[in-house]
mmCIF file of all heavy atoms, coordinates in Angstrom:
data_MODEL
# 
_entry.id   MODEL 
# 
loop_
_atom_site.group_PDB 
_atom_site.id 
_atom_site.type_symbol 
_atom_site.label_atom_id 
_atom_site.label_alt_id 
_atom_site.label_comp_id 
_atom_site.label_asym_id 
_atom_site.label_entity_id 
_atom_site.label_seq_id 
_atom_site.pdbx_PDB_ins_code 
_atom_site.Cartn_x 
_atom_site.Cartn_y 
_atom_site.Cartn_z 
_atom_site.occupancy 
_atom_site.B_iso_or_equiv 
_atom_site.pdbx_formal_charge 
_atom_site.auth_seq_id 
_atom_site.auth_comp_id 
_atom_site.auth_asym_id 
_atom_site.auth_atom_id 
_atom_site.pdbx_PDB_model_num 
ATOM 1   N N   . PRO A 1 1  ? 96.293  -72.754 -6.610 1.00 0.00 ? 1  PRO A N   1 
ATOM 2   C CA  . PRO A 1 1  ? 97.330  -73.730 -6.983 1.00 0.00 ? 1  PRO A CA  1 
ATOM 3   C C   . PRO A 1 1  ? 98.730  -73.407 -6.463 1.00 0.00 ? 1  PRO A C   1 
ATOM 4   O O   . PRO A 1 1  ? 99.577  -74.294 -6.401 1.00 0.00 ? 1  PRO A O   1 
ATOM 5   C CB  . PRO A 1 1  ? 97.299  -73.709 -8.511 1.00 0.00 ? 1  PRO A CB  1 
ATOM 6   C CG  . PRO A 1 1  ? 96.706  -72.390 -8.875 1.00 0.00 ? 1  PRO A CG  1 
ATOM 7   C CD  . PRO A 1 1  ? 95.727  -72.079 -7.788 1.00 0.00 ? 1  PRO A CD  1 
ATOM 8   N N   . VAL A 1 2  ? 98.957  -72.159 -6.091 1.00 0.00 ? 2  VAL A N   1 
ATOM 9   C CA  . VAL A 1 2  ? 100.296 -71.762 -5.632 1.00 0.00 ? 2  VAL A CA  1 
ATOM 10  C C   . VAL A 1 2  ? 100.300 -71.381 -4.155 1.00 0.00 ? 2  VAL A C   1 
ATOM 11  O O   . VAL A 1 2  ? 101.340 -71.380 -3.504 1.00 0.00 ? 2  VAL A O   1 
ATOM 12  C CB  . VAL A 1 2  ? 100.821 -70.596 -6.508 1.00 0.00 ? 2  VAL A CB  1 
ATOM 13  C CG1 . VAL A 1 2  ? 102.151 -70.062 -5.997 1.00 0.00 ? 2  VAL A CG1 1 
ATOM 14  C CG2 . VAL A 1 2  ? 100.980 -71.056 -7.956 1.00 0.00 ? 2  VAL A CG2 1 
ATOM 15  N N   . HIS A 1 3  ? 99.141  -71.109 -3.598 1.00 0.00 ? 3  HIS A N   1 
ATOM 16  C CA  . HIS A 1 3  ? 99.061  -70.570 -2.240 1.00 0.00 ? 3  HIS A CA  1 
ATOM 17  C C   . HIS A 1 3  ? 99.584  -71.549 -1.196 1.00 0.00 ? 3  HIS A C   1 
ATOM 18  O O   . HIS A 1 3  ? 99.320  -72.757 -1.247 1.00 0.00 ? 3  HIS A O   1 
ATOM 19  C CB  . HIS A 1 3  ? 97.605  -70.219 -1.909 1.00 0.00 ? 3  HIS A CB  1 
ATOM 20  C CG  . HIS A 1 3  ? 97.420  -69.669 -0.534 1.00 0.00 ? 3  HIS A CG  1 
ATOM 21  N ND1 . HIS A 1 3  ? 96.546  -70.188 0.373  1.00 0.00 ? 3  HIS A ND1 1 
ATOM 22  C CD2 . HIS A 1 3  ? 98.036  -68.631 0.103  1.00 0.00 ? 3  HIS A CD2 1 
ATOM 23  C CE1 . HIS A 1 3  ? 96.600  -69.505 1.504  1.00 0.00 ? 3  HIS A CE1 1 
ATOM 24  N NE2 . HIS A 1 3  ? 97.499  -68.555 1.364  1.00 0.00 ? 3  HIS A NE2 1 
ATOM 25  N N   . VAL A 1 4  ? 100.362 -71.023 -0.249 1.00 0.00 ? 4  VAL A N   1 
ATOM 26  C CA  . VAL A 1 4  ? 100.823 -71.754 0.933  1.00 0.00 ? 4  VAL A CA  1 
ATOM 27  C C   . VAL A 1 4  ? 100.432 -70.910 2.145  1.00 0.00 ? 4  VAL A C   1 
ATOM 28  O O   . VAL A 1 4  ? 100.686 -69.707 2.165  1.00 0.00 ? 4  VAL A O   1 
ATOM 29  C CB  . VAL A 1 4  ? 102.354 -71.973 0.909  1.00 0.00 ? 4  VAL A CB  1 
ATOM 30  C CG1 . VAL A 1 4  ? 102.819 -72.656 2.197  1.00 0.00 ? 4  VAL A CG1 1 
ATOM 31  C CG2 . VAL A 1 4  ? 102.755 -72.792 -0.313 1.00 0.00 ? 4  VAL A CG2 1 
ATOM 32  N N   . GLU A 1 5  ? 99.819  -71.537 3.126  1.00 0.00 ? 5  GLU A N   1 
ATOM 33  C CA  . GLU A 1 5  ? 99.392  -70.801 4.320  1.00 0.00 ? 5  GLU A CA  1 
ATOM 34  C C   . GLU A 1 5  ? 100.599 -70.164 5.009  1.00 0.00 ? 5  GLU A C   1 
ATOM 35  O O   . GLU A 1 5  ? 101.679 -70.749 5.076  1.00 0.00 ? 5  GLU A O   1 
ATOM 36  C CB  . GLU A 1 5  ? 98.695  -71.727 5.314  1.00 0.00 ? 5  GLU A CB  1 
ATOM 37  C CG  . GLU A 1 5  ? 97.264  -72.069 4.938  1.00 0.00 ? 5  GLU A CG  1 
ATOM 38  C CD  . GLU A 1 5  ? 96.336  -70.875 5.037  1.00 0.00 ? 5  GLU A CD  1 
ATOM 39  O OE1 . GLU A 1 5  ? 96.643  -69.917 5.779  1.00 0.00 ? 5  GLU A OE1 1 
ATOM 40  O OE2 . GLU A 1 5  ? 95.302  -70.888 4.337  1.00 0.00 ? 5  GLU A OE2 1 
ATOM 41  N N   . LYS A 1 6  ? 100.383 -68.950 5.530  1.00 0.00 ? 6  LYS A N   1 
ATOM 42  C CA  . LYS A 1 6  ? 101.463 -68.297 6.252  1.00 0.00 ? 6  LYS A CA  1 
ATOM 43  C C   . LYS A 1 6  ? 101.362 -68.586 7.743  1.00 0.00 ? 6  LYS A C   1 
ATOM 44  O O   . LYS A 1 6  ? 100.319 -69.010 8.242  1.00 0.00 ? 6  LYS A O   1 
ATOM 45  C CB  . LYS A 1 6  ? 101.443 -66.787 6.004  1.00 0.00 ? 6  LYS A CB  1 
ATOM 46  C CG  . LYS A 1 6  ? 100.224 -66.039 6.498  1.00 0.00 ? 6  LYS A CG  1 
ATOM 47  C CD  . LYS A 1 6  ? 100.342 -64.566 6.113  1.00 0.00 ? 6  LYS A CD  1 
ATOM 48  C CE  . LYS A 1 6  ? 99.087  -63.790 6.462  1.00 0.00 ? 6  LYS A CE  1 
ATOM 49  N NZ  . LYS A 1 6  ? 99.165  -62.390 6.007  1.00 0.00 ? 6  LYS A NZ  1 
ATOM 50  N N   . LEU A 1 7  ? 102.460 -68.362 8.422  1.00 0.00 ? 7  LEU A N   1 
ATOM 51  C CA  . LEU A 1 7  ? 102.517 -68.558 9.863  1.00 0.00 ? 7  LEU A CA  1 
ATOM 52  C C   . LEU A 1 7  ? 101.648 -67.520 10.551 1.00 0.00 ? 7  LEU A C   1 
ATOM 53  O O   . LEU A 1 7  ? 101.744 -66.332 10.264 1.00 0.00 ? 7  LEU A O   1 
ATOM 54  C CB  . LEU A 1 7  ? 103.966 -68.429 10.344 1.00 0.00 ? 7  LEU A CB  1 
ATOM 55  C CG  . LEU A 1 7  ? 104.221 -68.563 11.844 1.00 0.00 ? 7  LEU A CG  1 
ATOM 56  C CD1 . LEU A 1 7  ? 103.915 -69.973 12.313 1.00 0.00 ? 7  LEU A CD1 1 
ATOM 57  C CD2 . LEU A 1 7  ? 105.677 -68.217 12.159 1.00 0.00 ? 7  LEU A CD2 1 
ATOM 58  N N   . ARG A 1 8  ? 100.777 -67.981 11.433 1.00 0.00 ? 8  ARG A N   1 
ATOM 59  C CA  . ARG A 1 8  ? 99.919  -67.063 12.169 1.00 0.00 ? 8  ARG A CA  1 
ATOM 60  C C   . ARG A 1 8  ? 99.939  -67.413 13.644 1.00 0.00 ? 8  ARG A C   1 
ATOM 61  O O   . ARG A 1 8  ? 99.965  -68.581 14.024 1.00 0.00 ? 8  ARG A O   1 
ATOM 62  C CB  . ARG A 1 8  ? 98.467  -67.134 11.672 1.00 0.00 ? 8  ARG A CB  1 
ATOM 63  C CG  . ARG A 1 8  ? 98.243  -66.650 10.250 1.00 0.00 ? 8  ARG A CG  1 
ATOM 64  C CD  . ARG A 1 8  ? 96.761  -66.495 9.973  1.00 0.00 ? 8  ARG A CD  1 
ATOM 65  N NE  . ARG A 1 8  ? 96.522  -66.052 8.607  1.00 0.00 ? 8  ARG A NE  1 
ATOM 66  C CZ  . ARG A 1 8  ? 96.122  -66.847 7.627  1.00 0.00 ? 8  ARG A CZ  1 
ATOM 67  N NH1 . ARG A 1 8  ? 95.915  -68.126 7.853  1.00 0.00 ? 8  ARG A NH1 1 
ATOM 68  N NH2 . ARG A 1 8  ? 95.918  -66.361 6.428  1.00 0.00 ? 8  ARG A NH2 1 
ATOM 69  N N   . LEU A 1 9  ? 99.891  -66.376 14.461 1.00 0.00 ? 9  LEU A N   1 
ATOM 70  C CA  . LEU A 1 9  ? 99.699  -66.544 15.887 1.00 0.00 ? 9  LEU A CA  1 
ATOM 71  C C   . LEU A 1 9  ? 98.212  -66.690 16.166 1.00 0.00 ? 9  LEU A C   1 
ATOM 72  O O   . LEU A 1 9  ? 97.378  -66.286 15.357 1.00 0.00 ? 9  LEU A O   1 
ATOM 73  C CB  . LEU A 1 9  ? 100.217 -65.316 16.635 1.00 0.00 ? 9  LEU A CB  1 
ATOM 74  C CG  . LEU A 1 9  ? 101.691 -64.949 16.464 1.00 0.00 ? 9  LEU A CG  1 
ATOM 75  C CD1 . LEU A 1 9  ? 101.941 -63.557 17.053 1.00 0.00 ? 9  LEU A CD1 1 
ATOM 76  C CD2 . LEU A 1 9  ? 102.588 -65.974 17.116 1.00 0.00 ? 9  LEU A CD2 1 
ATOM 77  N N   . SER A 1 10 ? 97.883  -67.258 17.298 1.00 0.00 ? 10 SER A N   1 
ATOM 78  C CA  . SER A 1 10 ? 96.493  -67.164 17.730 1.00 0.00 ? 10 SER A CA  1 
ATOM 79  C C   . SER A 1 10 ? 96.215  -65.702 18.069 1.00 0.00 ? 10 SER A C   1 
ATOM 80  O O   . SER A 1 10 ? 97.140  -64.915 18.328 1.00 0.00 ? 10 SER A O   1 
ATOM 81  C CB  . SER A 1 10 ? 96.242  -68.046 18.951 1.00 0.00 ? 10 SER A CB  1 
ATOM 82  O OG  . SER A 1 10 ? 96.884  -67.498 20.096 1.00 0.00 ? 10 SER A OG  1 
ATOM 83  N N   . ALA A 1 11 ? 94.949  -65.321 18.055 1.00 0.00 ? 11 ALA A N   1 
ATOM 84  C CA  . ALA A 1 11 ? 94.607  -63.940 18.388 1.00 0.00 ? 11 ALA A CA  1 
ATOM 85  C C   . ALA A 1 11 ? 95.109  -63.583 19.780 1.00 0.00 ? 11 ALA A C   1 
ATOM 86  O O   . ALA A 1 11 ? 95.603  -62.474 20.010 1.00 0.00 ? 11 ALA A O   1 
ATOM 87  C CB  . ALA A 1 11 ? 93.103  -63.734 18.281 1.00 0.00 ? 11 ALA A CB  1 
ATOM 88  N N   . ALA A 1 12 ? 95.003  -64.529 20.703 1.00 0.00 ? 12 ALA A N   1 
ATOM 89  C CA  . ALA A 1 12 ? 95.475  -64.272 22.070 1.00 0.00 ? 12 ALA A CA  1 
ATOM 90  C C   . ALA A 1 12 ? 96.978  -64.024 22.083 1.00 0.00 ? 12 ALA A C   1 
ATOM 91  O O   . ALA A 1 12 ? 97.466  -63.112 22.759 1.00 0.00 ? 12 ALA A O   1 
ATOM 92  C CB  . ALA A 1 12 ? 95.122  -65.447 22.979 1.00 0.00 ? 12 ALA A CB  1 
ATOM 93  N N   . GLU A 1 13 ? 97.729  -64.839 21.318 1.00 0.00 ? 13 GLU A N   1 
ATOM 94  C CA  . GLU A 1 13 ? 99.183  -64.660 21.254 1.00 0.00 ? 13 GLU A CA  1 
ATOM 95  C C   . GLU A 1 13 ? 99.528  -63.323 20.603 1.00 0.00 ? 13 GLU A C   1 
ATOM 96  O O   . GLU A 1 13 ? 100.453 -62.624 21.037 1.00 0.00 ? 13 GLU A O   1 
ATOM 97  C CB  . GLU A 1 13 ? 99.812  -65.800 20.461 1.00 0.00 ? 13 GLU A CB  1 
ATOM 98  C CG  . GLU A 1 13 ? 99.771  -67.137 21.171 1.00 0.00 ? 13 GLU A CG  1 
ATOM 99  C CD  . GLU A 1 13 ? 100.208 -68.272 20.266 1.00 0.00 ? 13 GLU A CD  1 
ATOM 100 O OE1 . GLU A 1 13 ? 99.945  -68.214 19.035 1.00 0.00 ? 13 GLU A OE1 1 
ATOM 101 O OE2 . GLU A 1 13 ? 100.809 -69.242 20.779 1.00 0.00 ? 13 GLU A OE2 1 
ATOM 102 N N   . GLY A 1 14 ? 98.795  -62.962 19.545 1.00 0.00 ? 14 GLY A N   1 
ATOM 103 C CA  . GLY A 1 14 ? 99.074  -61.715 18.847 1.00 0.00 ? 14 GLY A CA  1 
ATOM 104 C C   . GLY A 1 14 ? 98.812  -60.496 19.715 1.00 0.00 ? 14 GLY A C   1 
ATOM 105 O O   . GLY A 1 14 ? 99.599  -59.550 19.730 1.00 0.00 ? 14 GLY A O   1 
ATOM 106 N N   . ILE A 1 15 ? 97.705  -60.527 20.441 1.00 0.00 ? 15 ILE A N   1 
ATOM 107 C CA  . ILE A 1 15 ? 97.392  -59.417 21.341 1.00 0.00 ? 15 ILE A CA  1 
ATOM 108 C C   . ILE A 1 15 ? 98.460  -59.319 22.427 1.00 0.00 ? 15 ILE A C   1 
ATOM 109 O O   . ILE A 1 15 ? 98.935  -58.237 22.761 1.00 0.00 ? 15 ILE A O   1 
ATOM 110 C CB  . ILE A 1 15 ? 95.987  -59.599 21.945 1.00 0.00 ? 15 ILE A CB  1 
ATOM 111 C CG1 . ILE A 1 15 ? 94.922  -59.399 20.858 1.00 0.00 ? 15 ILE A CG1 1 
ATOM 112 C CG2 . ILE A 1 15 ? 95.753  -58.638 23.111 1.00 0.00 ? 15 ILE A CG2 1 
ATOM 113 C CD1 . ILE A 1 15 ? 93.524  -59.815 21.262 1.00 0.00 ? 15 ILE A CD1 1 
ATOM 114 N N   . GLY A 1 16 ? 98.852  -60.475 22.952 1.00 0.00 ? 16 GLY A N   1 
ATOM 115 C CA  . GLY A 1 16 ? 99.891  -60.478 23.973 1.00 0.00 ? 16 GLY A CA  1 
ATOM 116 C C   . GLY A 1 16 ? 101.213 -59.954 23.459 1.00 0.00 ? 16 GLY A C   1 
ATOM 117 O O   . GLY A 1 16 ? 101.880 -59.147 24.118 1.00 0.00 ? 16 GLY A O   1 
ATOM 118 N N   . LEU A 1 17 ? 101.599 -60.388 22.233 1.00 0.00 ? 17 LEU A N   1 
ATOM 119 C CA  . LEU A 1 17 ? 102.872 -59.935 21.666 1.00 0.00 ? 17 LEU A CA  1 
ATOM 120 C C   . LEU A 1 17 ? 102.832 -58.439 21.359 1.00 0.00 ? 17 LEU A C   1 
ATOM 121 O O   . LEU A 1 17 ? 103.821 -57.732 21.588 1.00 0.00 ? 17 LEU A O   1 
ATOM 122 C CB  . LEU A 1 17 ? 103.196 -60.726 20.401 1.00 0.00 ? 17 LEU A CB  1 
ATOM 123 C CG  . LEU A 1 17 ? 104.492 -60.346 19.677 1.00 0.00 ? 17 LEU A CG  1 
ATOM 124 C CD1 . LEU A 1 17 ? 105.693 -60.432 20.608 1.00 0.00 ? 17 LEU A CD1 1 
ATOM 125 C CD2 . LEU A 1 17 ? 104.696 -61.236 18.450 1.00 0.00 ? 17 LEU A CD2 1 
ATOM 126 N N   . ALA A 1 18 ? 101.708 -57.947 20.863 1.00 0.00 ? 18 ALA A N   1 
ATOM 127 C CA  . ALA A 1 18 ? 101.588 -56.513 20.573 1.00 0.00 ? 18 ALA A CA  1 
ATOM 128 C C   . ALA A 1 18 ? 101.875 -55.688 21.822 1.00 0.00 ? 18 ALA A C   1 
ATOM 129 O O   . ALA A 1 18 ? 102.566 -54.658 21.768 1.00 0.00 ? 18 ALA A O   1 
ATOM 130 C CB  . ALA A 1 18 ? 100.191 -56.200 20.042 1.00 0.00 ? 18 ALA A CB  1 
ATOM 131 N N   . LYS A 1 19 ? 101.380 -56.146 22.952 1.00 0.00 ? 19 LYS A N   1 
ATOM 132 C CA  . LYS A 1 19 ? 101.619 -55.453 24.219 1.00 0.00 ? 19 LYS A CA  1 
ATOM 133 C C   . LYS A 1 19 ? 103.057 -55.651 24.694 1.00 0.00 ? 19 LYS A C   1 
ATOM 134 O O   . LYS A 1 19 ? 103.697 -54.708 25.186 1.00 0.00 ? 19 LYS A O   1 
ATOM 135 C CB  . LYS A 1 19 ? 100.649 -55.958 25.277 1.00 0.00 ? 19 LYS A CB  1 
ATOM 136 C CG  . LYS A 1 19 ? 99.187  -55.652 25.002 1.00 0.00 ? 19 LYS A CG  1 
ATOM 137 C CD  . LYS A 1 19 ? 98.322  -56.280 26.085 1.00 0.00 ? 19 LYS A CD  1 
ATOM 138 C CE  . LYS A 1 19 ? 96.857  -56.027 25.864 1.00 0.00 ? 19 LYS A CE  1 
ATOM 139 N NZ  . LYS A 1 19 ? 96.020  -56.644 26.919 1.00 0.00 ? 19 LYS A NZ  1 
ATOM 140 N N   . GLU A 1 20 ? 103.572 -56.873 24.556 1.00 0.00 ? 20 GLU A N   1 
ATOM 141 C CA  . GLU A 1 20 ? 104.938 -57.155 25.003 1.00 0.00 ? 20 GLU A CA  1 
ATOM 142 C C   . GLU A 1 20 ? 105.972 -56.366 24.203 1.00 0.00 ? 20 GLU A C   1 
ATOM 143 O O   . GLU A 1 20 ? 107.083 -56.103 24.693 1.00 0.00 ? 20 GLU A O   1 
ATOM 144 C CB  . GLU A 1 20 ? 105.214 -58.651 24.897 1.00 0.00 ? 20 GLU A CB  1 
ATOM 145 C CG  . GLU A 1 20 ? 104.447 -59.479 25.929 1.00 0.00 ? 20 GLU A CG  1 
ATOM 146 C CD  . GLU A 1 20 ? 104.428 -60.957 25.597 1.00 0.00 ? 20 GLU A CD  1 
ATOM 147 O OE1 . GLU A 1 20 ? 105.105 -61.364 24.625 1.00 0.00 ? 20 GLU A OE1 1 
ATOM 148 O OE2 . GLU A 1 20 ? 103.724 -61.710 26.296 1.00 0.00 ? 20 GLU A OE2 1 
ATOM 149 N N   . LEU A 1 21 ? 105.605 -55.995 22.976 1.00 0.00 ? 21 LEU A N   1 
ATOM 150 C CA  . LEU A 1 21 ? 106.485 -55.145 22.171 1.00 0.00 ? 21 LEU A CA  1 
ATOM 151 C C   . LEU A 1 21 ? 106.457 -53.696 22.651 1.00 0.00 ? 21 LEU A C   1 
ATOM 152 O O   . LEU A 1 21 ? 107.136 -52.836 22.085 1.00 0.00 ? 21 LEU A O   1 
ATOM 153 C CB  . LEU A 1 21 ? 106.080 -55.211 20.692 1.00 0.00 ? 21 LEU A CB  1 
ATOM 154 C CG  . LEU A 1 21 ? 106.364 -56.534 19.978 1.00 0.00 ? 21 LEU A CG  1 
ATOM 155 C CD1 . LEU A 1 21 ? 105.687 -56.554 18.612 1.00 0.00 ? 21 LEU A CD1 1 
ATOM 156 C CD2 . LEU A 1 21 ? 107.866 -56.772 19.832 1.00 0.00 ? 21 LEU A CD2 1 
ATOM 157 N N   . GLY A 1 22 ? 105.674 -53.440 23.681 1.00 0.00 ? 22 GLY A N   1 
ATOM 158 C CA  . GLY A 1 22 ? 105.571 -52.097 24.226 1.00 0.00 ? 22 GLY A CA  1 
ATOM 159 C C   . GLY A 1 22 ? 104.506 -51.257 23.572 1.00 0.00 ? 22 GLY A C   1 
ATOM 160 O O   . GLY A 1 22 ? 104.398 -50.055 23.857 1.00 0.00 ? 22 GLY A O   1 
ATOM 161 N N   . GLY A 1 23 ? 103.701 -51.871 22.690 1.00 0.00 ? 23 GLY A N   1 
ATOM 162 C CA  . GLY A 1 23 ? 102.706 -51.116 21.947 1.00 0.00 ? 23 GLY A CA  1 
ATOM 163 C C   . GLY A 1 23 ? 101.295 -51.317 22.452 1.00 0.00 ? 23 GLY A C   1 
ATOM 164 O O   . GLY A 1 23 ? 101.051 -52.053 23.415 1.00 0.00 ? 23 GLY A O   1 
ATOM 165 N N   . VAL A 1 24 ? 100.371 -50.653 21.770 1.00 0.00 ? 24 VAL A N   1 
ATOM 166 C CA  . VAL A 1 24 ? 98.946  -50.790 22.025 1.00 0.00 ? 24 VAL A CA  1 
ATOM 167 C C   . VAL A 1 24 ? 98.390  -51.828 21.060 1.00 0.00 ? 24 VAL A C   1 
ATOM 168 O O   . VAL A 1 24 ? 98.636  -51.750 19.853 1.00 0.00 ? 24 VAL A O   1 
ATOM 169 C CB  . VAL A 1 24 ? 98.215  -49.450 21.814 1.00 0.00 ? 24 VAL A CB  1 
ATOM 170 C CG1 . VAL A 1 24 ? 96.738  -49.595 22.117 1.00 0.00 ? 24 VAL A CG1 1 
ATOM 171 C CG2 . VAL A 1 24 ? 98.839  -48.360 22.672 1.00 0.00 ? 24 VAL A CG2 1 
ATOM 172 N N   . ALA A 1 25 ? 97.657  -52.812 21.572 1.00 0.00 ? 25 ALA A N   1 
ATOM 173 C CA  . ALA A 1 25 ? 97.094  -53.883 20.746 1.00 0.00 ? 25 ALA A CA  1 
ATOM 174 C C   . ALA A 1 25 ? 95.780  -53.408 20.129 1.00 0.00 ? 25 ALA A C   1 
ATOM 175 O O   . ALA A 1 25 ? 94.783  -53.220 20.826 1.00 0.00 ? 25 ALA A O   1 
ATOM 176 C CB  . ALA A 1 25 ? 96.872  -55.129 21.578 1.00 0.00 ? 25 ALA A CB  1 
ATOM 177 N N   . VAL A 1 26 ? 95.789  -53.223 18.798 1.00 0.00 ? 26 VAL A N   1 
ATOM 178 C CA  . VAL A 1 26 ? 94.646  -52.664 18.072 1.00 0.00 ? 26 VAL A CA  1 
ATOM 179 C C   . VAL A 1 26 ? 94.225  -53.641 16.977 1.00 0.00 ? 26 VAL A C   1 
ATOM 180 O O   . VAL A 1 26 ? 95.060  -54.116 16.205 1.00 0.00 ? 26 VAL A O   1 
ATOM 181 C CB  . VAL A 1 26 ? 95.019  -51.307 17.441 1.00 0.00 ? 26 VAL A CB  1 
ATOM 182 C CG1 . VAL A 1 26 ? 93.913  -50.794 16.522 1.00 0.00 ? 26 VAL A CG1 1 
ATOM 183 C CG2 . VAL A 1 26 ? 95.327  -50.278 18.523 1.00 0.00 ? 26 VAL A CG2 1 
# 
């Protein structure tokens, strides 16, 4: 009754951003 979906990237976007942040995508 209270839940609102949170903002999510696609898995492809998340993996890409993890790398673009200079990190290892795990």
